[in-house]
Amino acid sequence: MIWTWLNEAPHWHEDGSRLTVRSGPDSDFWRHTHYGFVRDSGHARLTVMRGDFDATVRFRGDYRDLYDQAGLLLRLDPERWIKCGVEYVEGRQLLSVVVTHGFSDWSVTPLEGQPEEITLRLERRAEAVTVLAAPSGQAPQMLRMAYFPPEPEVEVGPMCASPQGQGFEVSFEEVRLEAVT
């Protein structure tokens, strides 16, 4: 697989199957809704996938500032994408999914405590994307099923952003992409 950066993070390194990233300030993915702005400055390490697939990643972050976020990004272009993972809001980690078709929407699920790490799974089947998450030691739970255009090729991979903070460190481990036939 060939991995490329969308908005390369200011600091990152790979060590075997671990990708450690420090996000840059004022980075985010968002389009219009409620806030009235468009941001396509978050950091994502992406690869092209075709057809149906599962994307899984285990990650942990040192969240500290409002809206610090990490997880997976599924992307067709700047107006059609899904980001999912953890977002830090009012001192709490929330499981978060943003689906964007020209305009972003945002859904969150509170987490019990502050889990050390999360395993996130994104399943693409034709025009449907299902997002599941499993905090440390827990069974996976479905966060959302959403429509996503059934284009033959998409980009997918780990992402992080710091919309209001000065950046934070996140470690992605075991990024797995599996074609489903």
N, C-alpha and C. Protein backbone atom coordinates (compact mmCIF):
# COMPACT_ATOMS: atom_id res chain seq x y z
N MET A 1 0.83 -1.19 0.00
CA MET A 1 0.00 0.00 0.00
C MET A 1 0.87 1.24 0.00
N ILE A 2 0.39 2.22 -0.72
CA ILE A 2 1.08 3.51 -0.75
C ILE A 2 0.28 4.49 0.10
N TRP A 3 0.95 5.05 1.10
CA TRP A 3 0.32 6.00 2.01
C TRP A 3 0.80 7.41 1.67
N THR A 4 -0.11 8.36 1.63
CA THR A 4 0.25 9.76 1.39
C THR A 4 -0.44 10.63 2.44
N TRP A 5 0.17 11.76 2.71
CA TRP A 5 -0.40 12.70 3.68
C TRP A 5 -1.37 13.66 3.00
N LEU A 6 -2.50 13.86 3.64
CA LEU A 6 -3.36 14.99 3.37
C LEU A 6 -3.05 15.96 4.50
N ASN A 7 -2.43 17.08 4.20
CA ASN A 7 -2.02 18.05 5.23
C ASN A 7 -1.05 17.39 6.22
N GLU A 8 0.15 17.15 5.77
CA GLU A 8 1.15 16.45 6.59
C GLU A 8 1.28 17.10 7.96
N ALA A 9 1.27 16.27 8.98
CA ALA A 9 1.41 16.74 10.36
C ALA A 9 2.80 17.34 10.55
N PRO A 10 2.92 18.36 11.43
CA PRO A 10 4.23 19.00 11.62
C PRO A 10 5.28 18.05 12.21
N HIS A 11 4.83 17.09 13.01
CA HIS A 11 5.75 16.13 13.62
C HIS A 11 5.10 14.75 13.57
N TRP A 12 5.83 13.77 13.03
CA TRP A 12 5.34 12.40 12.99
C TRP A 12 6.51 11.45 12.77
N HIS A 13 6.32 10.20 13.20
CA HIS A 13 7.31 9.17 12.89
C HIS A 13 6.64 7.80 12.95
N GLU A 14 7.23 6.88 12.21
CA GLU A 14 6.76 5.50 12.19
C GLU A 14 7.80 4.62 12.84
N ASP A 15 7.30 3.65 13.59
CA ASP A 15 8.18 2.67 14.22
C ASP A 15 7.46 1.33 14.11
N GLY A 16 7.80 0.56 13.10
CA GLY A 16 7.11 -0.71 12.87
C GLY A 16 5.67 -0.44 12.50
N SER A 17 4.74 -1.01 13.28
CA SER A 17 3.31 -0.84 12.98
C SER A 17 2.70 0.34 13.74
N ARG A 18 3.51 1.18 14.33
CA ARG A 18 3.02 2.34 15.09
C ARG A 18 3.33 3.64 14.34
N LEU A 19 2.31 4.48 14.21
CA LEU A 19 2.46 5.82 13.65
C LEU A 19 2.15 6.80 14.78
N THR A 20 3.13 7.62 15.14
CA THR A 20 2.93 8.62 16.19
C THR A 20 2.91 9.99 15.52
N VAL A 21 1.89 10.77 15.85
CA VAL A 21 1.67 12.06 15.19
C VAL A 21 1.43 13.12 16.25
N ARG A 22 2.01 14.30 16.03
CA ARG A 22 1.65 15.47 16.82
C ARG A 22 0.92 16.41 15.87
N SER A 23 -0.34 16.66 16.17
CA SER A 23 -1.15 17.51 15.31
C SER A 23 -0.70 18.96 15.40
N GLY A 24 -0.99 19.69 14.36
CA GLY A 24 -0.70 21.12 14.34
C GLY A 24 -1.88 21.92 14.84
N PRO A 25 -1.65 23.14 15.29
CA PRO A 25 -2.75 23.99 15.75
C PRO A 25 -3.66 24.39 14.59
N ASP A 26 -4.89 24.76 14.92
CA ASP A 26 -5.87 25.25 13.93
C ASP A 26 -6.10 24.25 12.80
N SER A 27 -6.07 22.97 13.11
CA SER A 27 -6.31 21.94 12.10
C SER A 27 -7.67 21.31 12.36
N ASP A 28 -8.41 21.03 11.28
CA ASP A 28 -9.75 20.47 11.46
C ASP A 28 -10.30 20.03 10.11
N PHE A 29 -11.35 19.21 10.16
CA PHE A 29 -12.19 18.88 9.01
C PHE A 29 -13.61 19.27 9.39
N TRP A 30 -14.21 20.19 8.65
CA TRP A 30 -15.58 20.63 8.91
C TRP A 30 -16.08 21.42 7.71
N ARG A 31 -17.42 21.39 7.48
CA ARG A 31 -18.02 22.15 6.39
C ARG A 31 -19.34 22.78 6.83
N HIS A 32 -19.33 24.08 6.98
CA HIS A 32 -20.49 24.96 7.10
C HIS A 32 -21.35 24.82 8.36
N THR A 33 -21.99 23.68 8.59
CA THR A 33 -23.08 23.54 9.54
C THR A 33 -22.77 24.19 10.90
N HIS A 34 -23.70 24.97 11.39
CA HIS A 34 -23.70 25.62 12.69
C HIS A 34 -22.60 26.67 12.84
N TYR A 35 -21.35 26.30 12.54
CA TYR A 35 -20.22 27.21 12.78
C TYR A 35 -19.99 28.17 11.62
N GLY A 36 -20.47 27.83 10.42
CA GLY A 36 -20.37 28.74 9.29
C GLY A 36 -19.02 28.78 8.60
N PHE A 37 -18.10 27.89 8.91
CA PHE A 37 -16.80 27.90 8.25
C PHE A 37 -16.54 26.57 7.56
N VAL A 38 -15.51 26.58 6.71
CA VAL A 38 -15.05 25.38 6.03
C VAL A 38 -13.59 25.19 6.40
N ARG A 39 -13.29 23.99 6.91
CA ARG A 39 -11.89 23.65 7.23
C ARG A 39 -11.58 22.29 6.65
N ASP A 40 -10.46 22.23 5.97
CA ASP A 40 -9.98 20.98 5.39
C ASP A 40 -8.48 20.88 5.68
N SER A 41 -8.12 21.19 6.92
CA SER A 41 -6.71 21.30 7.31
C SER A 41 -6.25 20.24 8.29
N GLY A 42 -7.13 19.30 8.66
CA GLY A 42 -6.73 18.22 9.55
C GLY A 42 -5.67 17.34 8.89
N HIS A 43 -5.01 16.52 9.68
CA HIS A 43 -3.94 15.65 9.18
C HIS A 43 -4.49 14.24 8.98
N ALA A 44 -4.19 13.66 7.82
CA ALA A 44 -4.64 12.29 7.56
C ALA A 44 -3.58 11.58 6.71
N ARG A 45 -3.27 10.37 7.09
CA ARG A 45 -2.35 9.52 6.31
C ARG A 45 -3.23 8.51 5.58
N LEU A 46 -3.37 8.68 4.27
CA LEU A 46 -4.40 7.97 3.51
C LEU A 46 -3.81 7.04 2.46
N THR A 47 -4.59 6.02 2.14
CA THR A 47 -4.30 5.13 1.03
C THR A 47 -5.59 4.88 0.27
N VAL A 48 -5.47 4.49 -0.99
CA VAL A 48 -6.64 4.23 -1.83
C VAL A 48 -7.14 2.81 -1.59
N MET A 49 -8.45 2.69 -1.42
CA MET A 49 -9.11 1.39 -1.34
C MET A 49 -10.21 1.35 -2.39
N ARG A 50 -10.45 0.16 -2.90
CA ARG A 50 -11.48 -0.03 -3.92
C ARG A 50 -12.56 -0.96 -3.38
N GLY A 51 -13.80 -0.69 -3.76
CA GLY A 51 -14.89 -1.59 -3.41
C GLY A 51 -15.17 -1.64 -1.92
N ASP A 52 -15.65 -2.80 -1.48
CA ASP A 52 -15.99 -3.00 -0.07
C ASP A 52 -14.74 -3.35 0.73
N PHE A 53 -14.66 -2.82 1.95
CA PHE A 53 -13.50 -3.10 2.79
C PHE A 53 -13.81 -2.81 4.25
N ASP A 54 -12.94 -3.29 5.12
CA ASP A 54 -12.94 -2.96 6.55
C ASP A 54 -11.65 -2.24 6.86
N ALA A 55 -11.72 -1.16 7.62
CA ALA A 55 -10.56 -0.43 8.10
C ALA A 55 -10.61 -0.44 9.62
N THR A 56 -9.51 -0.86 10.25
CA THR A 56 -9.46 -0.95 11.71
C THR A 56 -8.17 -0.30 12.21
N VAL A 57 -8.27 0.41 13.32
CA VAL A 57 -7.09 1.00 13.94
C VAL A 57 -7.30 1.02 15.46
N ARG A 58 -6.20 0.81 16.16
CA ARG A 58 -6.19 0.98 17.62
C ARG A 58 -5.36 2.23 17.89
N PHE A 59 -5.87 3.12 18.74
CA PHE A 59 -5.15 4.38 18.95
C PHE A 59 -5.37 4.92 20.36
N ARG A 60 -4.48 5.79 20.75
CA ARG A 60 -4.55 6.50 22.03
C ARG A 60 -4.04 7.91 21.83
N GLY A 61 -4.61 8.86 22.55
CA GLY A 61 -4.19 10.24 22.41
C GLY A 61 -4.05 10.93 23.74
N ASP A 62 -3.23 11.96 23.76
CA ASP A 62 -3.06 12.81 24.94
C ASP A 62 -3.95 14.04 24.78
N TYR A 63 -5.26 13.81 24.72
CA TYR A 63 -6.23 14.88 24.49
C TYR A 63 -6.18 15.88 25.64
N ARG A 64 -6.23 17.17 25.30
CA ARG A 64 -6.24 18.15 26.38
C ARG A 64 -6.99 19.41 26.05
N ASP A 65 -7.11 19.75 24.76
CA ASP A 65 -7.78 20.98 24.39
C ASP A 65 -9.11 20.68 23.68
N LEU A 66 -10.03 21.61 23.80
CA LEU A 66 -11.35 21.45 23.21
C LEU A 66 -11.25 21.03 21.75
N TYR A 67 -11.96 19.97 21.42
CA TYR A 67 -12.09 19.39 20.08
C TYR A 67 -10.85 18.66 19.57
N ASP A 68 -9.81 18.44 20.41
CA ASP A 68 -8.73 17.54 19.98
C ASP A 68 -9.39 16.25 19.53
N GLN A 69 -8.93 15.69 18.40
CA GLN A 69 -9.62 14.53 17.82
C GLN A 69 -8.65 13.61 17.09
N ALA A 70 -9.00 12.32 17.09
CA ALA A 70 -8.19 11.32 16.38
C ALA A 70 -9.09 10.16 16.00
N GLY A 71 -8.70 9.46 14.93
CA GLY A 71 -9.47 8.29 14.49
C GLY A 71 -9.17 7.96 13.05
N LEU A 72 -10.23 7.73 12.27
CA LEU A 72 -10.12 7.38 10.85
C LEU A 72 -10.84 8.41 10.00
N LEU A 73 -10.33 8.59 8.78
CA LEU A 73 -10.98 9.44 7.79
C LEU A 73 -11.23 8.61 6.54
N LEU A 74 -12.45 8.66 6.04
CA LEU A 74 -12.84 8.07 4.76
C LEU A 74 -13.17 9.25 3.86
N ARG A 75 -12.53 9.34 2.68
CA ARG A 75 -12.63 10.58 1.91
C ARG A 75 -12.74 10.31 0.41
N LEU A 76 -13.67 11.03 -0.20
CA LEU A 76 -13.75 11.10 -1.67
C LEU A 76 -13.12 12.40 -2.16
N ASP A 77 -13.47 13.51 -1.51
CA ASP A 77 -12.98 14.83 -1.89
C ASP A 77 -13.29 15.78 -0.73
N PRO A 78 -12.95 17.07 -0.85
CA PRO A 78 -13.17 17.99 0.28
C PRO A 78 -14.62 18.14 0.72
N GLU A 79 -15.60 17.74 -0.11
CA GLU A 79 -17.00 17.90 0.24
C GLU A 79 -17.70 16.60 0.63
N ARG A 80 -17.00 15.46 0.48
CA ARG A 80 -17.62 14.16 0.79
C ARG A 80 -16.63 13.31 1.56
N TRP A 81 -16.89 13.18 2.87
CA TRP A 81 -16.00 12.42 3.74
C TRP A 81 -16.70 12.06 5.05
N ILE A 82 -16.10 11.11 5.75
CA ILE A 82 -16.54 10.73 7.10
C ILE A 82 -15.31 10.69 7.99
N LYS A 83 -15.37 11.36 9.13
CA LYS A 83 -14.31 11.20 10.13
C LYS A 83 -14.96 10.60 11.36
N CYS A 84 -14.23 9.70 12.02
CA CYS A 84 -14.79 9.03 13.19
C CYS A 84 -13.66 8.72 14.16
N GLY A 85 -14.00 8.68 15.44
CA GLY A 85 -13.00 8.39 16.46
C GLY A 85 -13.36 9.01 17.78
N VAL A 86 -12.38 9.64 18.40
CA VAL A 86 -12.57 10.30 19.69
C VAL A 86 -12.42 11.80 19.48
N GLU A 87 -13.32 12.56 20.11
CA GLU A 87 -13.20 14.01 20.15
C GLU A 87 -13.30 14.44 21.61
N TYR A 88 -12.46 15.37 22.00
CA TYR A 88 -12.36 15.83 23.39
C TYR A 88 -13.23 17.08 23.56
N VAL A 89 -14.29 16.95 24.37
CA VAL A 89 -15.24 18.05 24.54
C VAL A 89 -15.53 18.22 26.02
N GLU A 90 -15.34 19.45 26.51
CA GLU A 90 -15.62 19.80 27.91
C GLU A 90 -14.95 18.83 28.88
N GLY A 91 -13.68 18.50 28.60
CA GLY A 91 -12.90 17.66 29.51
C GLY A 91 -13.19 16.17 29.43
N ARG A 92 -13.96 15.74 28.40
CA ARG A 92 -14.33 14.32 28.27
C ARG A 92 -14.04 13.82 26.86
N GLN A 93 -13.68 12.55 26.80
CA GLN A 93 -13.56 11.89 25.51
C GLN A 93 -14.95 11.44 25.06
N LEU A 94 -15.31 11.79 23.84
CA LEU A 94 -16.57 11.35 23.26
C LEU A 94 -16.27 10.55 22.00
N LEU A 95 -16.98 9.46 21.78
CA LEU A 95 -16.92 8.79 20.49
C LEU A 95 -17.67 9.69 19.52
N SER A 96 -17.09 9.94 18.36
CA SER A 96 -17.59 10.97 17.47
C SER A 96 -17.62 10.48 16.03
N VAL A 97 -18.66 10.85 15.30
CA VAL A 97 -18.73 10.58 13.86
C VAL A 97 -19.25 11.85 13.19
N VAL A 98 -18.51 12.32 12.18
CA VAL A 98 -18.95 13.44 11.36
C VAL A 98 -19.09 12.93 9.94
N VAL A 99 -20.29 13.08 9.38
CA VAL A 99 -20.58 12.68 8.00
C VAL A 99 -20.79 13.96 7.21
N THR A 100 -20.09 14.07 6.08
CA THR A 100 -20.14 15.30 5.30
C THR A 100 -20.49 15.00 3.85
N HIS A 101 -21.58 15.61 3.40
CA HIS A 101 -22.00 15.63 2.00
C HIS A 101 -22.28 17.10 1.69
N GLY A 102 -21.24 17.88 1.50
CA GLY A 102 -21.40 19.32 1.31
C GLY A 102 -21.52 20.07 2.62
N PHE A 103 -22.29 19.52 3.55
CA PHE A 103 -22.46 20.07 4.89
C PHE A 103 -22.15 18.97 5.89
N SER A 104 -21.49 19.32 6.99
CA SER A 104 -21.15 18.33 8.01
C SER A 104 -22.27 18.17 9.02
N ASP A 105 -22.44 16.92 9.48
CA ASP A 105 -23.26 16.69 10.67
C ASP A 105 -22.38 15.98 11.69
N TRP A 106 -22.79 16.00 12.94
CA TRP A 106 -21.93 15.50 14.02
C TRP A 106 -22.77 14.72 15.01
N SER A 107 -22.36 13.50 15.30
CA SER A 107 -23.02 12.73 16.35
C SER A 107 -21.96 12.26 17.33
N VAL A 108 -22.33 12.23 18.61
CA VAL A 108 -21.38 11.82 19.66
C VAL A 108 -22.04 10.81 20.60
N THR A 109 -21.20 9.98 21.18
CA THR A 109 -21.61 9.01 22.19
C THR A 109 -20.65 9.15 23.37
N PRO A 110 -21.14 9.46 24.56
CA PRO A 110 -20.24 9.59 25.71
C PRO A 110 -19.53 8.28 26.03
N LEU A 111 -18.31 8.39 26.49
CA LEU A 111 -17.51 7.25 26.95
C LEU A 111 -17.51 7.23 28.46
N GLU A 112 -17.55 6.04 29.02
CA GLU A 112 -17.40 5.91 30.47
C GLU A 112 -15.93 6.10 30.82
N GLY A 113 -15.65 7.03 31.71
CA GLY A 113 -14.27 7.28 32.12
C GLY A 113 -13.45 7.86 30.98
N GLN A 114 -12.17 7.67 31.07
CA GLN A 114 -11.24 8.14 30.05
C GLN A 114 -10.42 6.93 29.57
N PRO A 115 -10.95 6.13 28.66
CA PRO A 115 -10.25 4.92 28.24
C PRO A 115 -8.85 5.23 27.70
N GLU A 116 -7.94 4.32 28.00
CA GLU A 116 -6.56 4.52 27.57
C GLU A 116 -6.43 4.43 26.05
N GLU A 117 -7.18 3.50 25.46
CA GLU A 117 -7.14 3.39 24.00
C GLU A 117 -8.48 2.93 23.45
N ILE A 118 -8.64 3.12 22.15
CA ILE A 118 -9.87 2.79 21.44
C ILE A 118 -9.49 1.95 20.22
N THR A 119 -10.30 0.95 19.94
CA THR A 119 -10.20 0.26 18.65
C THR A 119 -11.40 0.68 17.83
N LEU A 120 -11.14 1.17 16.64
CA LEU A 120 -12.17 1.72 15.77
C LEU A 120 -12.22 0.89 14.49
N ARG A 121 -13.43 0.63 14.04
CA ARG A 121 -13.61 -0.15 12.81
C ARG A 121 -14.62 0.56 11.92
N LEU A 122 -14.26 0.71 10.66
CA LEU A 122 -15.12 1.31 9.67
C LEU A 122 -15.35 0.25 8.59
N GLU A 123 -16.61 -0.08 8.33
CA GLU A 123 -16.96 -1.11 7.35
C GLU A 123 -17.70 -0.46 6.19
N ARG A 124 -17.13 -0.57 4.99
CA ARG A 124 -17.78 -0.01 3.80
C ARG A 124 -18.37 -1.15 2.98
N ARG A 125 -19.68 -1.06 2.71
CA ARG A 125 -20.38 -2.02 1.87
C ARG A 125 -21.25 -1.23 0.90
N ALA A 126 -20.84 -1.19 -0.36
CA ALA A 126 -21.55 -0.43 -1.40
C ALA A 126 -21.73 1.02 -0.93
N GLU A 127 -22.98 1.46 -0.72
CA GLU A 127 -23.24 2.85 -0.33
C GLU A 127 -23.39 3.03 1.19
N ALA A 128 -23.14 1.99 1.96
CA ALA A 128 -23.30 2.08 3.42
C ALA A 128 -21.95 1.97 4.12
N VAL A 129 -21.77 2.83 5.13
CA VAL A 129 -20.59 2.78 5.98
C VAL A 129 -21.07 2.62 7.42
N THR A 130 -20.54 1.60 8.08
CA THR A 130 -20.86 1.35 9.49
C THR A 130 -19.61 1.63 10.31
N VAL A 131 -19.78 2.39 11.40
CA VAL A 131 -18.67 2.73 12.28
C VAL A 131 -18.91 2.05 13.62
N LEU A 132 -17.90 1.29 14.09
CA LEU A 132 -17.95 0.61 15.38
C LEU A 132 -16.74 1.03 16.21
N ALA A 133 -16.90 1.06 17.53
CA ALA A 133 -15.80 1.43 18.41
C ALA A 133 -15.80 0.54 19.63
N ALA A 134 -14.60 0.24 20.13
CA ALA A 134 -14.44 -0.56 21.34
C ALA A 134 -13.39 0.09 22.23
N PRO A 135 -13.82 0.75 23.31
CA PRO A 135 -12.86 1.25 24.29
C PRO A 135 -12.09 0.07 24.92
N SER A 136 -10.94 0.33 25.49
CA SER A 136 -10.10 -0.69 26.11
C SER A 136 -10.93 -1.72 26.87
N GLY A 137 -10.77 -2.99 26.49
CA GLY A 137 -11.39 -4.08 27.23
C GLY A 137 -12.89 -4.23 27.08
N GLN A 138 -13.51 -3.50 26.16
CA GLN A 138 -14.95 -3.59 25.98
C GLN A 138 -15.29 -4.16 24.61
N ALA A 139 -16.50 -4.64 24.48
CA ALA A 139 -16.99 -5.16 23.21
C ALA A 139 -17.28 -3.98 22.26
N PRO A 140 -17.14 -4.19 20.96
CA PRO A 140 -17.45 -3.12 20.01
C PRO A 140 -18.92 -2.72 20.07
N GLN A 141 -19.17 -1.43 19.86
CA GLN A 141 -20.54 -0.93 19.77
C GLN A 141 -20.68 -0.13 18.48
N MET A 142 -21.83 -0.27 17.84
CA MET A 142 -22.07 0.49 16.62
C MET A 142 -22.36 1.94 16.98
N LEU A 143 -21.63 2.86 16.33
CA LEU A 143 -21.85 4.28 16.55
C LEU A 143 -22.79 4.86 15.50
N ARG A 144 -22.67 4.33 14.28
CA ARG A 144 -23.45 4.94 13.21
C ARG A 144 -23.39 4.09 11.95
N MET A 145 -24.48 4.12 11.20
CA MET A 145 -24.49 3.64 9.82
C MET A 145 -24.90 4.84 8.99
N ALA A 146 -24.13 5.11 7.93
CA ALA A 146 -24.38 6.31 7.13
C ALA A 146 -24.26 6.01 5.65
N TYR A 147 -24.95 6.79 4.86
CA TYR A 147 -24.81 6.73 3.42
C TYR A 147 -23.46 7.34 3.03
N PHE A 148 -22.79 6.71 2.06
CA PHE A 148 -21.59 7.27 1.47
C PHE A 148 -21.58 6.88 0.00
N PRO A 149 -21.31 7.80 -0.91
CA PRO A 149 -21.41 7.50 -2.34
C PRO A 149 -20.61 6.24 -2.71
N PRO A 150 -21.18 5.36 -3.52
CA PRO A 150 -20.52 4.10 -3.84
C PRO A 150 -19.49 4.23 -4.97
N GLU A 151 -18.68 5.26 -4.91
CA GLU A 151 -17.61 5.45 -5.89
C GLU A 151 -16.65 4.26 -5.83
N PRO A 152 -16.04 3.89 -6.95
CA PRO A 152 -15.18 2.71 -6.96
C PRO A 152 -13.91 2.85 -6.12
N GLU A 153 -13.40 4.08 -5.97
CA GLU A 153 -12.19 4.30 -5.18
C GLU A 153 -12.42 5.39 -4.15
N VAL A 154 -11.89 5.16 -2.95
CA VAL A 154 -11.91 6.16 -1.88
C VAL A 154 -10.55 6.14 -1.20
N GLU A 155 -10.30 7.14 -0.38
CA GLU A 155 -9.10 7.17 0.44
C GLU A 155 -9.51 6.93 1.89
N VAL A 156 -8.66 6.25 2.63
CA VAL A 156 -8.95 5.97 4.03
C VAL A 156 -7.65 5.88 4.81
N GLY A 157 -7.72 6.27 6.09
CA GLY A 157 -6.55 6.14 6.96
C GLY A 157 -6.70 6.93 8.24
N PRO A 158 -5.67 6.85 9.10
CA PRO A 158 -5.71 7.55 10.38
C PRO A 158 -5.71 9.07 10.19
N MET A 159 -6.43 9.75 11.10
CA MET A 159 -6.49 11.21 11.05
C MET A 159 -6.43 11.77 12.46
N CYS A 160 -6.01 13.04 12.54
CA CYS A 160 -6.07 13.77 13.81
C CYS A 160 -6.13 15.26 13.50
N ALA A 161 -6.58 16.04 14.48
CA ALA A 161 -6.70 17.48 14.31
C ALA A 161 -6.82 18.15 15.67
N SER A 162 -6.47 19.42 15.69
CA SER A 162 -6.56 20.27 16.90
C SER A 162 -7.18 21.60 16.52
N PRO A 163 -8.51 21.67 16.42
CA PRO A 163 -9.16 22.90 15.96
C PRO A 163 -8.89 24.12 16.83
N GLN A 164 -8.77 23.92 18.16
CA GLN A 164 -8.61 25.07 19.04
C GLN A 164 -7.34 25.03 19.88
N GLY A 165 -6.69 23.90 19.92
CA GLY A 165 -5.49 23.77 20.75
C GLY A 165 -4.21 23.97 19.97
N GLN A 166 -3.11 23.75 20.65
CA GLN A 166 -1.78 23.91 20.05
C GLN A 166 -1.23 22.61 19.50
N GLY A 167 -2.05 21.56 19.48
CA GLY A 167 -1.62 20.26 19.00
C GLY A 167 -1.51 19.28 20.15
N PHE A 168 -1.61 18.00 19.83
CA PHE A 168 -1.47 16.95 20.83
C PHE A 168 -0.89 15.72 20.15
N GLU A 169 -0.42 14.78 20.95
CA GLU A 169 0.20 13.58 20.40
C GLU A 169 -0.79 12.43 20.40
N VAL A 170 -0.80 11.70 19.30
CA VAL A 170 -1.65 10.51 19.17
C VAL A 170 -0.82 9.40 18.56
N SER A 171 -1.06 8.19 19.04
CA SER A 171 -0.35 7.01 18.55
C SER A 171 -1.35 6.05 17.93
N PHE A 172 -1.14 5.73 16.65
CA PHE A 172 -1.98 4.79 15.93
C PHE A 172 -1.22 3.47 15.80
N GLU A 173 -1.88 2.38 16.16
CA GLU A 173 -1.25 1.07 16.05
C GLU A 173 -2.18 0.14 15.28
N GLU A 174 -1.55 -0.82 14.65
CA GLU A 174 -2.31 -1.88 13.98
C GLU A 174 -3.36 -1.33 13.01
N VAL A 175 -2.96 -0.46 12.11
CA VAL A 175 -3.86 -0.02 11.05
C VAL A 175 -4.01 -1.20 10.09
N ARG A 176 -5.25 -1.69 9.96
CA ARG A 176 -5.50 -2.84 9.08
C ARG A 176 -6.58 -2.48 8.06
N LEU A 177 -6.29 -2.78 6.81
CA LEU A 177 -7.26 -2.58 5.74
C LEU A 177 -7.44 -3.92 5.05
N GLU A 178 -8.69 -4.37 4.99
CA GLU A 178 -8.98 -5.67 4.40
C GLU A 178 -10.09 -5.53 3.38
N ALA A 179 -9.79 -5.94 2.14
CA ALA A 179 -10.83 -5.96 1.10
C ALA A 179 -11.82 -7.04 1.44
N VAL A 180 -13.10 -6.78 1.17
CA VAL A 180 -14.18 -7.74 1.41
C VAL A 180 -14.76 -8.10 0.06
N THR A 181 -14.82 -9.40 -0.22
CA THR A 181 -15.37 -9.82 -1.52
C THR A 181 -16.68 -10.54 -1.35
